[in-house]
Amino acid sequence: MQITFLGTGTSQGIPIIACPCIVCHSKDLKDKRLRSSVLVEENGKTIVIDTGPDFRQQMLREDIKVLDAVVFTHEHKDHTAGFDDIRAFNFINKRKMEVYASARVQEAIRREYPYIFSDFKYPGIPEINLHLLENKLTSIEGVDFLPIEVMHHKLPVFGFRIGGFTYITDANYISDEEKKKIKIQKYWF
């Protein structure tokens, strides 16, 4: 399995617009970070966790030619705002995108991108197969994803255990029950 951190910045990215702090004005490339997202490559499959506003830039930077699936952690815009750009993969890969999201995230996607779900399909809109993601082991394109429910203030968010790798974003609380899913990890990110 290969993991690529596409972004590790805050919800606004780093640097933050108009911020006067030394980090935001740093010349160090480590202080230039896009919004959180991860690329998982395993068994010839390429899966992205979250399509934030930097999704297009991240895909171009990493020269991604094939994307098999998108998995969402939660519905905040810093994790979903780039969703429309999956349509490039529809065109190039000549197939619908497999999309995995909780019921709450699916509701947000339907609200924010109604044209995807309309009866009249305007040419060039994203084409997707939407799958319900629940808090149980799920095979996504043959890659096992074990959701880990964490809290982002009062909002439930999914982190994921994928093989020996655990990815959790935007969390301020993890229950003891959910922690059991990650206790045997070798690596923490």
N, C-alpha and C. Protein backbone atom coordinates (compact mmCIF):
# COMPACT_ATOMS: atom_id res chain seq x y z
N MET A 1 0.85 -1.18 0.00
CA MET A 1 0.00 0.00 0.00
C MET A 1 0.89 1.23 0.00
N GLN A 2 0.51 2.20 -0.80
CA GLN A 2 1.20 3.49 -0.81
C GLN A 2 0.22 4.57 -0.38
N ILE A 3 0.66 5.41 0.55
CA ILE A 3 -0.15 6.51 1.05
C ILE A 3 0.53 7.82 0.66
N THR A 4 -0.23 8.72 0.07
CA THR A 4 0.28 10.06 -0.25
C THR A 4 -0.59 11.07 0.47
N PHE A 5 0.04 11.87 1.32
CA PHE A 5 -0.69 12.94 1.98
C PHE A 5 -0.81 14.08 0.98
N LEU A 6 -2.00 14.30 0.48
CA LEU A 6 -2.24 15.35 -0.51
C LEU A 6 -2.29 16.73 0.13
N GLY A 7 -2.72 16.77 1.37
CA GLY A 7 -2.79 18.02 2.12
C GLY A 7 -2.84 17.71 3.60
N THR A 8 -2.18 18.56 4.37
CA THR A 8 -2.15 18.40 5.83
C THR A 8 -2.41 19.73 6.52
N GLY A 9 -2.96 20.66 5.79
CA GLY A 9 -3.21 22.00 6.34
C GLY A 9 -4.53 22.09 7.09
N THR A 10 -4.80 23.27 7.57
CA THR A 10 -6.04 23.55 8.29
C THR A 10 -7.19 23.64 7.30
N SER A 11 -8.38 23.95 7.80
CA SER A 11 -9.54 24.09 6.92
C SER A 11 -9.37 25.25 5.94
N GLN A 12 -8.47 26.16 6.24
CA GLN A 12 -8.20 27.28 5.34
C GLN A 12 -6.92 27.08 4.54
N GLY A 13 -6.20 25.99 4.80
CA GLY A 13 -4.90 25.79 4.18
C GLY A 13 -3.86 26.65 4.88
N ILE A 14 -2.61 26.44 4.52
CA ILE A 14 -1.51 27.23 5.07
C ILE A 14 -0.68 27.70 3.88
N PRO A 15 -0.44 28.97 3.67
CA PRO A 15 -0.79 30.09 4.53
C PRO A 15 -2.28 30.43 4.47
N ILE A 16 -2.74 31.09 5.51
CA ILE A 16 -4.12 31.56 5.59
C ILE A 16 -4.17 32.96 4.96
N ILE A 17 -5.18 33.22 4.19
CA ILE A 17 -5.34 34.52 3.53
C ILE A 17 -5.26 35.64 4.56
N ALA A 18 -4.43 36.62 4.29
CA ALA A 18 -4.29 37.86 5.06
C ALA A 18 -3.72 37.67 6.47
N CYS A 19 -3.27 36.49 6.80
CA CYS A 19 -2.71 36.25 8.13
C CYS A 19 -1.32 36.87 8.24
N PRO A 20 -1.05 37.63 9.31
CA PRO A 20 0.24 38.29 9.45
C PRO A 20 1.32 37.45 10.15
N CYS A 21 0.98 36.21 10.58
CA CYS A 21 1.92 35.43 11.40
C CYS A 21 3.15 34.99 10.62
N ILE A 22 4.19 34.59 11.34
CA ILE A 22 5.45 34.21 10.69
C ILE A 22 5.32 32.91 9.89
N VAL A 23 4.45 32.00 10.32
CA VAL A 23 4.27 30.75 9.57
C VAL A 23 3.66 31.05 8.21
N CYS A 24 2.64 31.87 8.19
CA CYS A 24 1.97 32.20 6.93
C CYS A 24 2.85 33.01 5.98
N HIS A 25 3.90 33.61 6.51
CA HIS A 25 4.83 34.38 5.66
C HIS A 25 6.16 33.67 5.49
N SER A 26 6.24 32.46 5.96
CA SER A 26 7.46 31.67 5.89
C SER A 26 7.81 31.32 4.44
N LYS A 27 9.07 31.23 4.16
CA LYS A 27 9.54 30.78 2.83
C LYS A 27 9.73 29.27 2.81
N ASP A 28 9.63 28.62 3.96
CA ASP A 28 9.81 27.18 4.09
C ASP A 28 8.64 26.46 3.39
N LEU A 29 8.95 25.56 2.47
CA LEU A 29 7.90 24.84 1.74
C LEU A 29 7.02 24.00 2.66
N LYS A 30 7.54 23.60 3.83
CA LYS A 30 6.73 22.84 4.78
C LYS A 30 5.62 23.69 5.39
N ASP A 31 5.70 24.99 5.22
CA ASP A 31 4.66 25.90 5.70
C ASP A 31 3.67 26.27 4.59
N LYS A 32 3.71 25.56 3.49
CA LYS A 32 2.77 25.73 2.37
C LYS A 32 1.98 24.42 2.27
N ARG A 33 0.81 24.35 2.92
CA ARG A 33 0.08 23.08 3.00
C ARG A 33 -1.37 23.24 2.54
N LEU A 34 -1.78 22.34 1.68
CA LEU A 34 -3.15 22.33 1.18
C LEU A 34 -4.08 21.67 2.20
N ARG A 35 -5.40 21.76 1.94
CA ARG A 35 -6.39 21.17 2.83
C ARG A 35 -6.24 19.65 2.90
N SER A 36 -6.67 19.07 4.03
CA SER A 36 -6.46 17.64 4.33
C SER A 36 -7.12 16.72 3.31
N SER A 37 -6.31 15.77 2.85
CA SER A 37 -6.77 14.73 1.94
C SER A 37 -5.66 13.69 1.83
N VAL A 38 -6.05 12.45 1.53
CA VAL A 38 -5.09 11.36 1.42
C VAL A 38 -5.39 10.55 0.16
N LEU A 39 -4.34 10.10 -0.50
CA LEU A 39 -4.46 9.21 -1.65
C LEU A 39 -3.98 7.83 -1.20
N VAL A 40 -4.82 6.82 -1.40
CA VAL A 40 -4.49 5.45 -1.05
C VAL A 40 -4.34 4.66 -2.34
N GLU A 41 -3.19 4.01 -2.52
CA GLU A 41 -2.97 3.16 -3.68
C GLU A 41 -2.64 1.75 -3.18
N GLU A 42 -3.50 0.80 -3.57
CA GLU A 42 -3.29 -0.58 -3.17
C GLU A 42 -3.93 -1.52 -4.18
N ASN A 43 -3.25 -2.61 -4.47
CA ASN A 43 -3.75 -3.63 -5.40
C ASN A 43 -4.18 -3.03 -6.73
N GLY A 44 -3.43 -2.06 -7.22
CA GLY A 44 -3.75 -1.43 -8.50
C GLY A 44 -4.92 -0.48 -8.47
N LYS A 45 -5.43 -0.16 -7.29
CA LYS A 45 -6.56 0.76 -7.15
C LYS A 45 -6.09 2.07 -6.52
N THR A 46 -6.74 3.14 -6.93
CA THR A 46 -6.41 4.48 -6.44
C THR A 46 -7.68 5.08 -5.84
N ILE A 47 -7.59 5.43 -4.55
CA ILE A 47 -8.75 5.93 -3.81
C ILE A 47 -8.36 7.20 -3.09
N VAL A 48 -9.22 8.21 -3.15
CA VAL A 48 -8.98 9.47 -2.45
C VAL A 48 -9.94 9.57 -1.27
N ILE A 49 -9.39 10.00 -0.14
CA ILE A 49 -10.22 10.33 1.02
C ILE A 49 -10.36 11.85 1.04
N ASP A 50 -11.55 12.33 0.75
CA ASP A 50 -11.95 13.74 0.75
C ASP A 50 -11.49 14.50 -0.49
N THR A 51 -12.38 15.35 -0.99
CA THR A 51 -12.12 16.19 -2.16
C THR A 51 -12.35 17.65 -1.76
N GLY A 52 -11.42 18.20 -1.02
CA GLY A 52 -11.55 19.59 -0.58
C GLY A 52 -11.36 20.57 -1.72
N PRO A 53 -11.32 21.87 -1.40
CA PRO A 53 -11.19 22.90 -2.44
C PRO A 53 -9.88 22.79 -3.23
N ASP A 54 -8.90 22.08 -2.69
CA ASP A 54 -7.60 21.93 -3.36
C ASP A 54 -7.51 20.65 -4.18
N PHE A 55 -8.60 19.91 -4.31
CA PHE A 55 -8.59 18.61 -4.97
C PHE A 55 -7.98 18.67 -6.37
N ARG A 56 -8.42 19.60 -7.18
CA ARG A 56 -7.90 19.72 -8.56
C ARG A 56 -6.39 19.90 -8.54
N GLN A 57 -5.92 20.83 -7.73
CA GLN A 57 -4.49 21.11 -7.63
C GLN A 57 -3.72 19.87 -7.13
N GLN A 58 -4.30 19.16 -6.17
CA GLN A 58 -3.65 17.96 -5.64
C GLN A 58 -3.53 16.88 -6.71
N MET A 59 -4.58 16.67 -7.48
CA MET A 59 -4.56 15.65 -8.54
C MET A 59 -3.54 16.02 -9.62
N LEU A 60 -3.49 17.29 -9.98
CA LEU A 60 -2.51 17.73 -10.98
C LEU A 60 -1.09 17.61 -10.46
N ARG A 61 -0.86 18.02 -9.23
CA ARG A 61 0.48 17.96 -8.63
C ARG A 61 1.00 16.52 -8.59
N GLU A 62 0.12 15.57 -8.24
CA GLU A 62 0.53 14.17 -8.12
C GLU A 62 0.42 13.40 -9.44
N ASP A 63 -0.05 14.08 -10.49
CA ASP A 63 -0.19 13.50 -11.83
C ASP A 63 -1.05 12.23 -11.82
N ILE A 64 -2.19 12.31 -11.14
CA ILE A 64 -3.10 11.18 -11.03
C ILE A 64 -3.91 11.06 -12.32
N LYS A 65 -3.81 9.91 -12.96
CA LYS A 65 -4.50 9.67 -14.23
C LYS A 65 -5.76 8.83 -14.06
N VAL A 66 -5.78 7.98 -13.03
CA VAL A 66 -6.91 7.10 -12.78
C VAL A 66 -7.31 7.24 -11.32
N LEU A 67 -8.59 7.42 -11.09
CA LEU A 67 -9.12 7.46 -9.73
C LEU A 67 -10.30 6.50 -9.69
N ASP A 68 -10.22 5.51 -8.81
CA ASP A 68 -11.25 4.47 -8.76
C ASP A 68 -12.39 4.80 -7.82
N ALA A 69 -12.11 5.54 -6.73
CA ALA A 69 -13.18 5.82 -5.76
C ALA A 69 -12.82 7.04 -4.93
N VAL A 70 -13.87 7.65 -4.37
CA VAL A 70 -13.75 8.76 -3.42
C VAL A 70 -14.48 8.34 -2.15
N VAL A 71 -13.84 8.59 -1.02
CA VAL A 71 -14.42 8.27 0.29
C VAL A 71 -14.45 9.57 1.09
N PHE A 72 -15.56 9.85 1.74
CA PHE A 72 -15.68 11.08 2.52
C PHE A 72 -15.65 10.82 4.02
N THR A 73 -14.92 11.68 4.74
CA THR A 73 -14.88 11.64 6.20
C THR A 73 -16.10 12.35 6.78
N HIS A 74 -16.42 13.52 6.21
CA HIS A 74 -17.57 14.30 6.67
C HIS A 74 -17.88 15.38 5.65
N GLU A 75 -18.95 16.14 5.92
CA GLU A 75 -19.52 17.02 4.92
C GLU A 75 -19.01 18.45 4.91
N HIS A 76 -18.09 18.83 5.76
CA HIS A 76 -17.61 20.21 5.73
C HIS A 76 -16.96 20.54 4.39
N LYS A 77 -17.10 21.79 3.98
CA LYS A 77 -16.63 22.22 2.65
C LYS A 77 -15.14 22.00 2.44
N ASP A 78 -14.33 22.08 3.52
CA ASP A 78 -12.91 21.85 3.33
C ASP A 78 -12.61 20.38 3.01
N HIS A 79 -13.65 19.53 2.98
CA HIS A 79 -13.49 18.12 2.63
C HIS A 79 -14.32 17.73 1.40
N THR A 80 -15.22 18.62 0.94
CA THR A 80 -16.11 18.27 -0.18
C THR A 80 -16.12 19.27 -1.34
N ALA A 81 -15.56 20.44 -1.16
CA ALA A 81 -15.74 21.53 -2.13
C ALA A 81 -15.13 21.27 -3.51
N GLY A 82 -14.24 20.30 -3.63
CA GLY A 82 -13.66 20.00 -4.93
C GLY A 82 -14.34 18.86 -5.66
N PHE A 83 -15.46 18.39 -5.11
CA PHE A 83 -16.14 17.20 -5.63
C PHE A 83 -16.49 17.31 -7.12
N ASP A 84 -16.87 18.47 -7.59
CA ASP A 84 -17.24 18.65 -8.99
C ASP A 84 -16.11 18.25 -9.94
N ASP A 85 -14.87 18.37 -9.49
CA ASP A 85 -13.73 18.08 -10.36
C ASP A 85 -13.51 16.59 -10.62
N ILE A 86 -14.30 15.72 -10.02
CA ILE A 86 -14.17 14.30 -10.37
C ILE A 86 -14.62 14.04 -11.80
N ARG A 87 -15.36 14.97 -12.37
CA ARG A 87 -15.87 14.76 -13.73
C ARG A 87 -14.75 14.59 -14.74
N ALA A 88 -13.57 15.14 -14.47
CA ALA A 88 -12.43 14.91 -15.38
C ALA A 88 -12.11 13.42 -15.44
N PHE A 89 -12.19 12.74 -14.29
CA PHE A 89 -11.93 11.30 -14.26
C PHE A 89 -13.05 10.53 -14.97
N ASN A 90 -14.30 11.02 -14.88
CA ASN A 90 -15.39 10.39 -15.62
C ASN A 90 -15.06 10.38 -17.11
N PHE A 91 -14.61 11.52 -17.61
CA PHE A 91 -14.32 11.68 -19.03
C PHE A 91 -13.12 10.83 -19.45
N ILE A 92 -12.03 10.93 -18.70
CA ILE A 92 -10.79 10.23 -19.05
C ILE A 92 -10.91 8.72 -18.83
N ASN A 93 -11.48 8.31 -17.69
CA ASN A 93 -11.58 6.89 -17.35
C ASN A 93 -12.82 6.21 -17.92
N LYS A 94 -13.71 7.02 -18.52
CA LYS A 94 -14.92 6.54 -19.19
C LYS A 94 -15.79 5.65 -18.29
N ARG A 95 -16.01 6.13 -17.06
CA ARG A 95 -16.91 5.42 -16.15
C ARG A 95 -17.33 6.33 -15.01
N LYS A 96 -18.38 5.92 -14.33
CA LYS A 96 -18.84 6.68 -13.17
C LYS A 96 -17.85 6.51 -12.02
N MET A 97 -17.83 7.51 -11.15
CA MET A 97 -16.98 7.46 -9.97
C MET A 97 -17.73 6.76 -8.85
N GLU A 98 -17.07 5.84 -8.18
CA GLU A 98 -17.62 5.18 -7.00
C GLU A 98 -17.38 6.10 -5.81
N VAL A 99 -18.46 6.48 -5.13
CA VAL A 99 -18.38 7.46 -4.04
C VAL A 99 -18.99 6.83 -2.79
N TYR A 100 -18.25 6.90 -1.68
CA TYR A 100 -18.67 6.31 -0.41
C TYR A 100 -18.81 7.41 0.63
N ALA A 101 -20.00 7.47 1.25
CA ALA A 101 -20.27 8.51 2.24
C ALA A 101 -21.38 8.05 3.17
N SER A 102 -21.34 8.58 4.39
CA SER A 102 -22.41 8.31 5.36
C SER A 102 -23.71 8.94 4.86
N ALA A 103 -24.82 8.57 5.47
CA ALA A 103 -26.12 9.12 5.07
C ALA A 103 -26.12 10.64 5.22
N ARG A 104 -25.53 11.15 6.28
CA ARG A 104 -25.51 12.59 6.52
C ARG A 104 -24.67 13.30 5.45
N VAL A 105 -23.54 12.70 5.07
CA VAL A 105 -22.69 13.30 4.03
C VAL A 105 -23.38 13.21 2.68
N GLN A 106 -24.07 12.11 2.42
CA GLN A 106 -24.81 12.00 1.16
C GLN A 106 -25.87 13.09 1.06
N GLU A 107 -26.54 13.36 2.15
CA GLU A 107 -27.55 14.43 2.16
C GLU A 107 -26.92 15.77 1.80
N ALA A 108 -25.75 16.04 2.36
CA ALA A 108 -25.05 17.30 2.05
C ALA A 108 -24.61 17.35 0.59
N ILE A 109 -24.13 16.25 0.06
CA ILE A 109 -23.72 16.21 -1.34
C ILE A 109 -24.93 16.46 -2.25
N ARG A 110 -26.05 15.84 -1.93
CA ARG A 110 -27.27 16.06 -2.74
C ARG A 110 -27.72 17.52 -2.68
N ARG A 111 -27.55 18.15 -1.53
CA ARG A 111 -27.94 19.55 -1.35
C ARG A 111 -26.97 20.49 -2.08
N GLU A 112 -25.67 20.21 -1.99
CA GLU A 112 -24.66 21.10 -2.57
C GLU A 112 -24.44 20.89 -4.07
N TYR A 113 -24.74 19.70 -4.55
CA TYR A 113 -24.52 19.38 -5.96
C TYR A 113 -25.80 18.81 -6.57
N PRO A 114 -26.91 19.56 -6.53
CA PRO A 114 -28.19 19.00 -6.99
C PRO A 114 -28.19 18.62 -8.47
N TYR A 115 -27.38 19.28 -9.28
CA TYR A 115 -27.35 19.00 -10.71
C TYR A 115 -26.86 17.58 -11.00
N ILE A 116 -26.09 16.99 -10.09
CA ILE A 116 -25.64 15.61 -10.30
C ILE A 116 -26.83 14.65 -10.25
N PHE A 117 -27.83 15.00 -9.45
CA PHE A 117 -28.94 14.10 -9.19
C PHE A 117 -30.23 14.48 -9.93
N SER A 118 -30.18 15.52 -10.75
CA SER A 118 -31.39 15.97 -11.42
C SER A 118 -31.80 14.99 -12.52
N ASP A 119 -33.07 15.02 -12.88
CA ASP A 119 -33.57 14.16 -13.95
C ASP A 119 -32.95 14.54 -15.29
N PHE A 120 -32.72 15.85 -15.48
CA PHE A 120 -32.08 16.32 -16.70
C PHE A 120 -30.57 16.32 -16.46
N LYS A 121 -29.86 15.47 -17.17
CA LYS A 121 -28.41 15.36 -17.00
C LYS A 121 -27.70 16.26 -18.01
N TYR A 122 -27.30 17.43 -17.54
CA TYR A 122 -26.56 18.37 -18.38
C TYR A 122 -25.23 17.72 -18.76
N PRO A 123 -24.80 17.84 -20.01
CA PRO A 123 -23.54 17.21 -20.43
C PRO A 123 -22.35 17.73 -19.60
N GLY A 124 -21.50 16.80 -19.19
CA GLY A 124 -20.29 17.16 -18.48
C GLY A 124 -20.39 17.21 -16.97
N ILE A 125 -21.56 16.89 -16.41
CA ILE A 125 -21.68 16.90 -14.95
C ILE A 125 -21.00 15.64 -14.39
N PRO A 126 -20.61 15.68 -13.12
CA PRO A 126 -20.03 14.47 -12.52
C PRO A 126 -21.03 13.31 -12.55
N GLU A 127 -20.53 12.15 -12.87
CA GLU A 127 -21.34 10.94 -12.87
C GLU A 127 -20.83 10.04 -11.76
N ILE A 128 -21.73 9.64 -10.87
CA ILE A 128 -21.31 8.88 -9.69
C ILE A 128 -22.22 7.71 -9.40
N ASN A 129 -21.66 6.74 -8.70
CA ASN A 129 -22.42 5.68 -8.04
C ASN A 129 -22.23 5.94 -6.56
N LEU A 130 -23.28 6.32 -5.88
CA LEU A 130 -23.21 6.70 -4.47
C LEU A 130 -23.51 5.49 -3.58
N HIS A 131 -22.57 5.19 -2.68
CA HIS A 131 -22.68 4.05 -1.78
C HIS A 131 -22.77 4.52 -0.34
N LEU A 132 -23.64 3.89 0.43
CA LEU A 132 -23.77 4.23 1.85
C LEU A 132 -22.59 3.65 2.63
N LEU A 133 -21.94 4.50 3.38
CA LEU A 133 -20.82 4.11 4.22
C LEU A 133 -21.30 4.10 5.66
N GLU A 134 -21.26 2.93 6.27
CA GLU A 134 -21.67 2.78 7.66
C GLU A 134 -20.44 2.44 8.50
N ASN A 135 -20.63 2.44 9.80
CA ASN A 135 -19.52 2.18 10.71
C ASN A 135 -19.27 0.68 10.84
N LYS A 136 -18.85 0.09 9.73
CA LYS A 136 -18.50 -1.32 9.68
C LYS A 136 -17.52 -1.53 8.53
N LEU A 137 -16.78 -2.62 8.59
CA LEU A 137 -15.79 -2.92 7.57
C LEU A 137 -16.44 -2.90 6.19
N THR A 138 -15.82 -2.17 5.27
CA THR A 138 -16.36 -2.02 3.92
C THR A 138 -15.24 -2.23 2.91
N SER A 139 -15.49 -3.03 1.91
CA SER A 139 -14.53 -3.22 0.83
C SER A 139 -14.81 -2.16 -0.23
N ILE A 140 -13.81 -1.34 -0.49
CA ILE A 140 -13.93 -0.28 -1.49
C ILE A 140 -12.92 -0.60 -2.59
N GLU A 141 -13.45 -1.02 -3.73
CA GLU A 141 -12.61 -1.42 -4.85
C GLU A 141 -11.61 -2.51 -4.44
N GLY A 142 -12.04 -3.40 -3.55
CA GLY A 142 -11.19 -4.49 -3.11
C GLY A 142 -10.22 -4.14 -1.99
N VAL A 143 -10.30 -2.91 -1.50
CA VAL A 143 -9.45 -2.45 -0.40
C VAL A 143 -10.33 -2.31 0.83
N ASP A 144 -9.95 -2.95 1.93
CA ASP A 144 -10.76 -2.91 3.15
C ASP A 144 -10.57 -1.60 3.91
N PHE A 145 -11.69 -0.92 4.14
CA PHE A 145 -11.73 0.31 4.93
C PHE A 145 -12.54 0.02 6.18
N LEU A 146 -11.95 0.21 7.34
CA LEU A 146 -12.67 0.08 8.60
C LEU A 146 -12.93 1.48 9.14
N PRO A 147 -14.18 1.97 9.08
CA PRO A 147 -14.48 3.29 9.61
C PRO A 147 -14.26 3.35 11.12
N ILE A 148 -13.77 4.49 11.57
CA ILE A 148 -13.58 4.76 12.99
C ILE A 148 -14.33 6.06 13.25
N GLU A 149 -15.42 5.97 14.02
CA GLU A 149 -16.21 7.17 14.27
C GLU A 149 -15.58 7.99 15.39
N VAL A 150 -15.26 9.23 15.06
CA VAL A 150 -14.69 10.19 16.01
C VAL A 150 -15.58 11.41 16.04
N MET A 151 -15.32 12.29 16.97
CA MET A 151 -16.13 13.50 17.05
C MET A 151 -15.29 14.72 16.65
N HIS A 152 -15.90 15.57 15.86
CA HIS A 152 -15.33 16.85 15.43
C HIS A 152 -16.24 17.90 16.06
N HIS A 153 -15.90 18.29 17.26
CA HIS A 153 -16.77 19.04 18.15
C HIS A 153 -18.01 18.19 18.41
N LYS A 154 -19.17 18.53 17.84
CA LYS A 154 -20.37 17.72 18.04
C LYS A 154 -20.78 16.95 16.79
N LEU A 155 -19.92 16.97 15.77
CA LEU A 155 -20.22 16.32 14.50
C LEU A 155 -19.49 14.98 14.41
N PRO A 156 -20.23 13.87 14.19
CA PRO A 156 -19.55 12.59 13.96
C PRO A 156 -18.81 12.63 12.62
N VAL A 157 -17.58 12.13 12.65
CA VAL A 157 -16.70 12.11 11.49
C VAL A 157 -16.10 10.71 11.39
N PHE A 158 -15.90 10.23 10.17
CA PHE A 158 -15.23 8.95 10.00
C PHE A 158 -13.74 9.16 9.78
N GLY A 159 -12.94 8.43 10.56
CA GLY A 159 -11.56 8.17 10.23
C GLY A 159 -11.55 6.78 9.64
N PHE A 160 -10.40 6.30 9.20
CA PHE A 160 -10.36 4.98 8.57
C PHE A 160 -9.09 4.23 8.93
N ARG A 161 -9.26 2.95 9.15
CA ARG A 161 -8.13 2.04 9.23
C ARG A 161 -8.12 1.26 7.92
N ILE A 162 -6.98 1.31 7.25
CA ILE A 162 -6.80 0.63 5.97
C ILE A 162 -5.54 -0.21 6.15
N GLY A 163 -5.72 -1.50 6.31
CA GLY A 163 -4.57 -2.36 6.61
C GLY A 163 -3.91 -1.89 7.90
N GLY A 164 -2.61 -1.65 7.84
CA GLY A 164 -1.86 -1.19 9.01
C GLY A 164 -1.77 0.31 9.13
N PHE A 165 -2.59 1.03 8.40
CA PHE A 165 -2.56 2.50 8.38
C PHE A 165 -3.88 3.04 8.92
N THR A 166 -3.81 4.03 9.80
CA THR A 166 -5.01 4.69 10.29
C THR A 166 -4.94 6.17 9.96
N TYR A 167 -6.03 6.68 9.38
CA TYR A 167 -6.13 8.10 9.04
C TYR A 167 -7.33 8.68 9.75
N ILE A 168 -7.08 9.69 10.58
CA ILE A 168 -8.15 10.38 11.29
C ILE A 168 -7.91 11.88 11.14
N THR A 169 -8.94 12.59 10.74
CA THR A 169 -8.84 14.04 10.59
C THR A 169 -9.94 14.71 11.40
N ASP A 170 -9.70 15.95 11.79
CA ASP A 170 -10.72 16.79 12.42
C ASP A 170 -11.36 16.12 13.64
N ALA A 171 -10.56 15.63 14.54
CA ALA A 171 -11.10 14.91 15.70
C ALA A 171 -10.68 15.57 17.01
N ASN A 172 -11.65 15.66 17.92
CA ASN A 172 -11.32 16.12 19.27
C ASN A 172 -11.71 15.08 20.32
N TYR A 173 -12.34 13.97 19.87
CA TYR A 173 -12.72 12.92 20.82
C TYR A 173 -12.86 11.59 20.07
N ILE A 174 -12.32 10.53 20.68
CA ILE A 174 -12.48 9.17 20.17
C ILE A 174 -12.91 8.31 21.34
N SER A 175 -14.03 7.64 21.21
CA SER A 175 -14.53 6.80 22.30
C SER A 175 -13.59 5.61 22.51
N ASP A 176 -13.65 5.02 23.70
CA ASP A 176 -12.84 3.85 23.99
C ASP A 176 -13.16 2.70 23.04
N GLU A 177 -14.43 2.55 22.70
CA GLU A 177 -14.84 1.48 21.78
C GLU A 177 -14.20 1.66 20.41
N GLU A 178 -14.19 2.88 19.90
CA GLU A 178 -13.59 3.14 18.58
C GLU A 178 -12.06 3.05 18.65
N LYS A 179 -11.46 3.41 19.77
CA LYS A 179 -10.00 3.30 19.93
C LYS A 179 -9.53 1.86 19.78
N LYS A 180 -10.37 0.91 20.14
CA LYS A 180 -10.00 -0.51 20.03
C LYS A 180 -9.67 -0.88 18.58
N LYS A 181 -10.27 -0.18 17.63
CA LYS A 181 -10.04 -0.47 16.22
C LYS A 181 -8.63 -0.10 15.77
N ILE A 182 -7.96 0.75 16.53
CA ILE A 182 -6.65 1.24 16.09
C ILE A 182 -5.52 0.88 17.05
N LYS A 183 -5.78 0.17 18.10
CA LYS A 183 -4.75 -0.10 19.11
C LYS A 183 -3.56 -0.89 18.60
N ILE A 184 -3.74 -1.73 17.61
CA ILE A 184 -2.63 -2.56 17.16
C ILE A 184 -1.85 -1.92 16.01
N GLN A 185 -2.01 -0.64 15.82
CA GLN A 185 -1.33 0.06 14.72
C GLN A 185 0.19 0.10 14.93
N LYS A 186 0.90 0.01 13.81
CA LYS A 186 2.36 0.21 13.82
C LYS A 186 2.69 1.69 13.61
N TYR A 187 1.89 2.35 12.77
CA TYR A 187 2.18 3.72 12.37
C TYR A 187 1.01 4.64 12.71
N TRP A 188 1.29 5.83 13.15
CA TRP A 188 0.23 6.81 13.49
C TRP A 188 0.50 8.08 12.71
N PHE A 189 -0.55 8.61 12.09
CA PHE A 189 -0.42 9.85 11.32
C PHE A 189 -1.52 10.80 11.70
